[in-house]
Amino acid sequence: MYAIFKDGGRQYRAEKGATLELDQQGPKEGEKVEFTEVVLVHDGKKATVGAPTVKGAKVLGEVVKNFRGDKIRVFKFRKREGYHRTRGHRSELTLVKVTDIVTG
């Protein structure tokens, strides 16, 4: 069984027991999280697609840890002008372990 849910403008595929890297969530480590914007639930035989969401369905999980992702370097330049800029960025991420998928 798996479900596809929306969080932070992105869609994630969740299976029971899987760990997902999401954009930073509010809860601290060890706290429970609940995602109610479930777009699709597939139970192995039949897929239920929401319009826009599946009623009563939710994905339950537990925050494993909050951390920062790998550093991304952005380098831009213009040839023959001596112009170059380097910027870096690290995303704040949350590791969530999916504990259960509740169907509607």
N, C-alpha and C. Protein backbone atom coordinates (compact mmCIF):
# COMPACT_ATOMS: atom_id res chain seq x y z
N MET A 1 0.84 -1.17 0.00
CA MET A 1 0.00 0.00 0.00
C MET A 1 0.89 1.23 0.00
N TYR A 2 0.51 2.21 -0.82
CA TYR A 2 1.23 3.47 -0.81
C TYR A 2 0.26 4.62 -1.03
N ALA A 3 0.72 5.82 -0.71
CA ALA A 3 -0.09 7.02 -0.89
C ALA A 3 0.80 8.13 -1.42
N ILE A 4 0.20 9.02 -2.17
CA ILE A 4 0.90 10.21 -2.64
C ILE A 4 0.23 11.40 -1.98
N PHE A 5 1.04 12.21 -1.28
CA PHE A 5 0.50 13.37 -0.58
C PHE A 5 1.27 14.62 -0.94
N LYS A 6 0.62 15.77 -0.71
CA LYS A 6 1.24 17.06 -1.00
C LYS A 6 1.69 17.72 0.30
N ASP A 7 2.88 18.33 0.23
CA ASP A 7 3.40 19.08 1.37
C ASP A 7 4.38 20.11 0.85
N GLY A 8 4.14 21.36 1.18
CA GLY A 8 5.06 22.41 0.79
C GLY A 8 5.18 22.59 -0.71
N GLY A 9 4.10 22.38 -1.46
CA GLY A 9 4.14 22.57 -2.90
C GLY A 9 4.75 21.41 -3.67
N ARG A 10 5.09 20.32 -3.00
CA ARG A 10 5.66 19.15 -3.65
C ARG A 10 4.82 17.92 -3.33
N GLN A 11 4.95 16.89 -4.15
CA GLN A 11 4.24 15.64 -3.90
C GLN A 11 5.25 14.55 -3.55
N TYR A 12 4.89 13.72 -2.57
CA TYR A 12 5.76 12.66 -2.09
C TYR A 12 5.01 11.34 -2.11
N ARG A 13 5.74 10.26 -2.41
CA ARG A 13 5.16 8.92 -2.37
C ARG A 13 5.56 8.29 -1.03
N ALA A 14 4.57 7.85 -0.27
CA ALA A 14 4.82 7.31 1.07
C ALA A 14 4.36 5.87 1.15
N GLU A 15 5.21 5.02 1.70
CA GLU A 15 4.86 3.64 2.03
C GLU A 15 5.12 3.45 3.51
N LYS A 16 4.39 2.54 4.14
CA LYS A 16 4.57 2.30 5.57
C LYS A 16 6.00 1.83 5.84
N GLY A 17 6.65 2.49 6.80
CA GLY A 17 8.01 2.14 7.16
C GLY A 17 9.08 2.91 6.40
N ALA A 18 8.70 3.65 5.36
CA ALA A 18 9.68 4.40 4.56
C ALA A 18 10.08 5.69 5.27
N THR A 19 11.27 6.19 4.97
CA THR A 19 11.70 7.49 5.50
C THR A 19 11.77 8.47 4.34
N LEU A 20 11.26 9.68 4.58
CA LEU A 20 11.19 10.70 3.55
C LEU A 20 11.96 11.94 3.99
N GLU A 21 12.65 12.58 3.04
CA GLU A 21 13.31 13.86 3.28
C GLU A 21 12.38 14.96 2.81
N LEU A 22 11.82 15.72 3.74
CA LEU A 22 10.90 16.80 3.41
C LEU A 22 11.53 18.14 3.75
N ASP A 23 10.94 19.22 3.21
CA ASP A 23 11.35 20.54 3.64
C ASP A 23 11.07 20.66 5.12
N GLN A 24 11.79 21.54 5.79
CA GLN A 24 11.73 21.64 7.26
C GLN A 24 10.29 21.78 7.76
N GLN A 25 9.95 20.93 8.71
CA GLN A 25 8.64 20.95 9.36
C GLN A 25 8.78 21.64 10.71
N GLY A 26 7.69 22.00 11.33
CA GLY A 26 7.73 22.64 12.63
C GLY A 26 8.08 21.73 13.79
N PRO A 27 7.59 20.48 13.82
CA PRO A 27 7.79 19.62 14.99
C PRO A 27 9.26 19.25 15.23
N LYS A 28 9.55 18.98 16.49
CA LYS A 28 10.90 18.57 16.91
C LYS A 28 11.05 17.06 16.73
N GLU A 29 12.26 16.56 16.98
CA GLU A 29 12.54 15.13 16.84
C GLU A 29 11.68 14.31 17.80
N GLY A 30 11.13 13.22 17.29
CA GLY A 30 10.30 12.34 18.10
C GLY A 30 8.82 12.68 18.09
N GLU A 31 8.45 13.86 17.61
CA GLU A 31 7.03 14.25 17.58
C GLU A 31 6.33 13.62 16.37
N LYS A 32 5.01 13.50 16.49
CA LYS A 32 4.19 12.91 15.43
C LYS A 32 3.77 14.00 14.45
N VAL A 33 3.67 13.63 13.17
CA VAL A 33 3.18 14.54 12.13
C VAL A 33 2.07 13.84 11.36
N GLU A 34 1.20 14.65 10.75
CA GLU A 34 0.04 14.12 10.03
C GLU A 34 -0.12 14.92 8.75
N PHE A 35 -0.20 14.24 7.63
CA PHE A 35 -0.39 14.88 6.33
C PHE A 35 -1.77 14.50 5.82
N THR A 36 -2.64 15.50 5.66
CA THR A 36 -4.03 15.23 5.28
C THR A 36 -4.32 15.50 3.81
N GLU A 37 -3.39 16.14 3.10
CA GLU A 37 -3.60 16.43 1.69
C GLU A 37 -3.16 15.25 0.84
N VAL A 38 -3.88 14.14 0.95
CA VAL A 38 -3.55 12.91 0.22
C VAL A 38 -4.23 12.95 -1.15
N VAL A 39 -3.43 12.82 -2.20
CA VAL A 39 -3.93 12.92 -3.57
C VAL A 39 -4.34 11.55 -4.12
N LEU A 40 -3.62 10.49 -3.71
CA LEU A 40 -3.89 9.16 -4.23
C LEU A 40 -3.56 8.12 -3.17
N VAL A 41 -4.39 7.08 -3.10
CA VAL A 41 -4.12 5.93 -2.22
C VAL A 41 -4.25 4.67 -3.06
N HIS A 42 -3.22 3.82 -3.01
CA HIS A 42 -3.23 2.56 -3.76
C HIS A 42 -3.03 1.42 -2.77
N ASP A 43 -3.99 0.48 -2.74
CA ASP A 43 -3.94 -0.59 -1.75
C ASP A 43 -3.40 -1.91 -2.31
N GLY A 44 -2.83 -1.90 -3.49
CA GLY A 44 -2.31 -3.12 -4.10
C GLY A 44 -3.20 -3.65 -5.20
N LYS A 45 -4.50 -3.38 -5.09
CA LYS A 45 -5.45 -3.82 -6.10
C LYS A 45 -6.11 -2.64 -6.80
N LYS A 46 -6.48 -1.65 -6.00
CA LYS A 46 -7.27 -0.54 -6.51
C LYS A 46 -6.67 0.79 -6.09
N ALA A 47 -6.67 1.74 -7.01
CA ALA A 47 -6.17 3.08 -6.70
C ALA A 47 -7.36 4.02 -6.53
N THR A 48 -7.32 4.82 -5.47
CA THR A 48 -8.35 5.83 -5.23
C THR A 48 -7.72 7.19 -5.45
N VAL A 49 -8.24 7.90 -6.44
CA VAL A 49 -7.70 9.22 -6.79
C VAL A 49 -8.65 10.27 -6.26
N GLY A 50 -8.12 11.29 -5.61
CA GLY A 50 -8.93 12.35 -5.04
C GLY A 50 -9.25 13.43 -6.05
N ALA A 51 -10.27 14.20 -5.74
CA ALA A 51 -10.65 15.32 -6.58
C ALA A 51 -10.96 16.52 -5.70
N PRO A 52 -10.01 17.28 -5.22
CA PRO A 52 -8.56 17.18 -5.39
C PRO A 52 -7.87 16.26 -4.38
N THR A 53 -8.54 15.93 -3.25
CA THR A 53 -7.90 15.04 -2.27
C THR A 53 -8.83 13.88 -1.94
N VAL A 54 -8.26 12.81 -1.39
CA VAL A 54 -9.05 11.65 -0.98
C VAL A 54 -9.63 11.95 0.40
N LYS A 55 -10.95 11.89 0.51
CA LYS A 55 -11.62 12.23 1.77
C LYS A 55 -11.28 11.22 2.87
N GLY A 56 -10.90 11.73 4.04
CA GLY A 56 -10.62 10.89 5.19
C GLY A 56 -9.26 10.22 5.19
N ALA A 57 -8.52 10.33 4.11
CA ALA A 57 -7.21 9.68 4.04
C ALA A 57 -6.14 10.59 4.63
N LYS A 58 -5.17 9.98 5.32
CA LYS A 58 -4.05 10.75 5.85
C LYS A 58 -2.84 9.86 6.02
N VAL A 59 -1.68 10.50 6.00
CA VAL A 59 -0.41 9.80 6.19
C VAL A 59 0.12 10.23 7.54
N LEU A 60 0.41 9.25 8.41
CA LEU A 60 0.93 9.53 9.74
C LEU A 60 2.41 9.20 9.77
N GLY A 61 3.16 10.04 10.48
CA GLY A 61 4.60 9.81 10.55
C GLY A 61 5.19 10.34 11.83
N GLU A 62 6.49 10.11 11.99
CA GLU A 62 7.22 10.56 13.17
C GLU A 62 8.51 11.21 12.69
N VAL A 63 8.84 12.37 13.27
CA VAL A 63 10.05 13.09 12.89
C VAL A 63 11.26 12.36 13.45
N VAL A 64 12.18 11.97 12.57
CA VAL A 64 13.40 11.29 12.99
C VAL A 64 14.45 12.32 13.37
N LYS A 65 14.67 13.31 12.48
CA LYS A 65 15.62 14.38 12.80
C LYS A 65 15.44 15.56 11.87
N ASN A 66 15.85 16.73 12.34
CA ASN A 66 15.92 17.94 11.54
C ASN A 66 17.39 18.17 11.23
N PHE A 67 17.70 18.49 9.98
CA PHE A 67 19.10 18.67 9.60
C PHE A 67 19.19 19.60 8.40
N ARG A 68 20.42 19.95 8.04
CA ARG A 68 20.67 20.78 6.88
C ARG A 68 21.20 19.91 5.75
N GLY A 69 20.72 20.16 4.55
CA GLY A 69 21.14 19.38 3.39
C GLY A 69 22.54 19.75 2.93
N ASP A 70 22.96 19.13 1.84
CA ASP A 70 24.27 19.41 1.27
C ASP A 70 24.32 20.84 0.74
N LYS A 71 25.52 21.40 0.74
CA LYS A 71 25.70 22.76 0.24
C LYS A 71 25.64 22.74 -1.29
N ILE A 72 24.89 23.67 -1.82
CA ILE A 72 24.78 23.83 -3.27
C ILE A 72 25.51 25.12 -3.63
N ARG A 73 26.42 25.05 -4.56
CA ARG A 73 27.17 26.23 -5.00
C ARG A 73 26.61 26.70 -6.34
N VAL A 74 26.37 28.00 -6.42
CA VAL A 74 25.90 28.61 -7.65
C VAL A 74 26.99 29.56 -8.12
N PHE A 75 27.49 29.35 -9.32
CA PHE A 75 28.57 30.17 -9.86
C PHE A 75 28.10 30.77 -11.17
N LYS A 76 28.12 32.10 -11.27
CA LYS A 76 27.76 32.72 -12.53
C LYS A 76 28.88 33.65 -12.97
N PHE A 77 29.05 33.74 -14.27
CA PHE A 77 30.13 34.57 -14.79
C PHE A 77 29.76 35.08 -16.17
N ARG A 78 30.50 36.09 -16.60
CA ARG A 78 30.38 36.60 -17.96
C ARG A 78 31.76 36.55 -18.59
N LYS A 79 31.82 35.93 -19.71
CA LYS A 79 33.13 35.72 -20.33
C LYS A 79 33.81 37.04 -20.70
N ARG A 80 35.09 37.07 -20.54
CA ARG A 80 35.97 38.18 -20.91
C ARG A 80 35.64 39.49 -20.22
N GLU A 81 34.90 39.47 -19.12
CA GLU A 81 34.58 40.71 -18.42
C GLU A 81 35.08 40.72 -16.99
N GLY A 82 35.65 39.62 -16.54
CA GLY A 82 36.14 39.56 -15.17
C GLY A 82 35.02 39.54 -14.14
N TYR A 83 33.82 39.20 -14.57
CA TYR A 83 32.65 39.17 -13.69
C TYR A 83 32.38 37.73 -13.27
N HIS A 84 32.43 37.47 -11.98
CA HIS A 84 32.03 36.16 -11.48
C HIS A 84 31.52 36.30 -10.06
N ARG A 85 30.49 35.52 -9.75
CA ARG A 85 29.86 35.54 -8.43
C ARG A 85 29.65 34.10 -7.98
N THR A 86 29.91 33.85 -6.72
CA THR A 86 29.67 32.53 -6.14
C THR A 86 28.73 32.69 -4.96
N ARG A 87 27.69 31.90 -4.95
CA ARG A 87 26.76 31.88 -3.82
C ARG A 87 26.55 30.44 -3.39
N GLY A 88 26.26 30.27 -2.13
CA GLY A 88 25.99 28.93 -1.61
C GLY A 88 24.62 28.89 -0.95
N HIS A 89 24.10 27.68 -0.83
CA HIS A 89 22.78 27.52 -0.22
C HIS A 89 22.70 26.13 0.42
N ARG A 90 22.13 26.07 1.62
CA ARG A 90 21.86 24.78 2.28
C ARG A 90 20.41 24.77 2.73
N SER A 91 19.66 23.77 2.30
CA SER A 91 18.25 23.66 2.66
C SER A 91 18.10 23.07 4.05
N GLU A 92 17.10 23.56 4.79
CA GLU A 92 16.73 22.99 6.08
C GLU A 92 15.76 21.84 5.79
N LEU A 93 16.09 20.63 6.21
CA LEU A 93 15.30 19.45 5.89
C LEU A 93 14.85 18.72 7.15
N THR A 94 13.82 17.90 7.00
CA THR A 94 13.32 17.07 8.08
C THR A 94 13.20 15.64 7.56
N LEU A 95 13.70 14.70 8.33
CA LEU A 95 13.60 13.28 7.99
C LEU A 95 12.39 12.72 8.74
N VAL A 96 11.40 12.21 8.00
CA VAL A 96 10.16 11.70 8.58
C VAL A 96 10.01 10.22 8.25
N LYS A 97 9.72 9.41 9.27
CA LYS A 97 9.45 7.98 9.06
C LYS A 97 7.94 7.79 9.03
N VAL A 98 7.44 7.19 7.97
CA VAL A 98 6.00 6.96 7.81
C VAL A 98 5.60 5.79 8.69
N THR A 99 4.65 6.05 9.62
CA THR A 99 4.21 5.00 10.53
C THR A 99 2.93 4.31 10.07
N ASP A 100 2.05 5.05 9.38
CA ASP A 100 0.78 4.46 8.96
C ASP A 100 0.15 5.26 7.85
N ILE A 101 -0.65 4.59 7.02
CA ILE A 101 -1.45 5.25 6.00
C ILE A 101 -2.90 4.91 6.29
N VAL A 102 -3.71 5.93 6.58
CA VAL A 102 -5.12 5.74 6.92
C VAL A 102 -5.95 6.07 5.69
N THR A 103 -6.79 5.13 5.26
CA THR A 103 -7.67 5.38 4.12
C THR A 103 -9.00 5.92 4.62
N GLY A 104 -9.72 6.57 3.72
CA GLY A 104 -10.96 7.23 4.09
C GLY A 104 -12.08 6.38 4.47
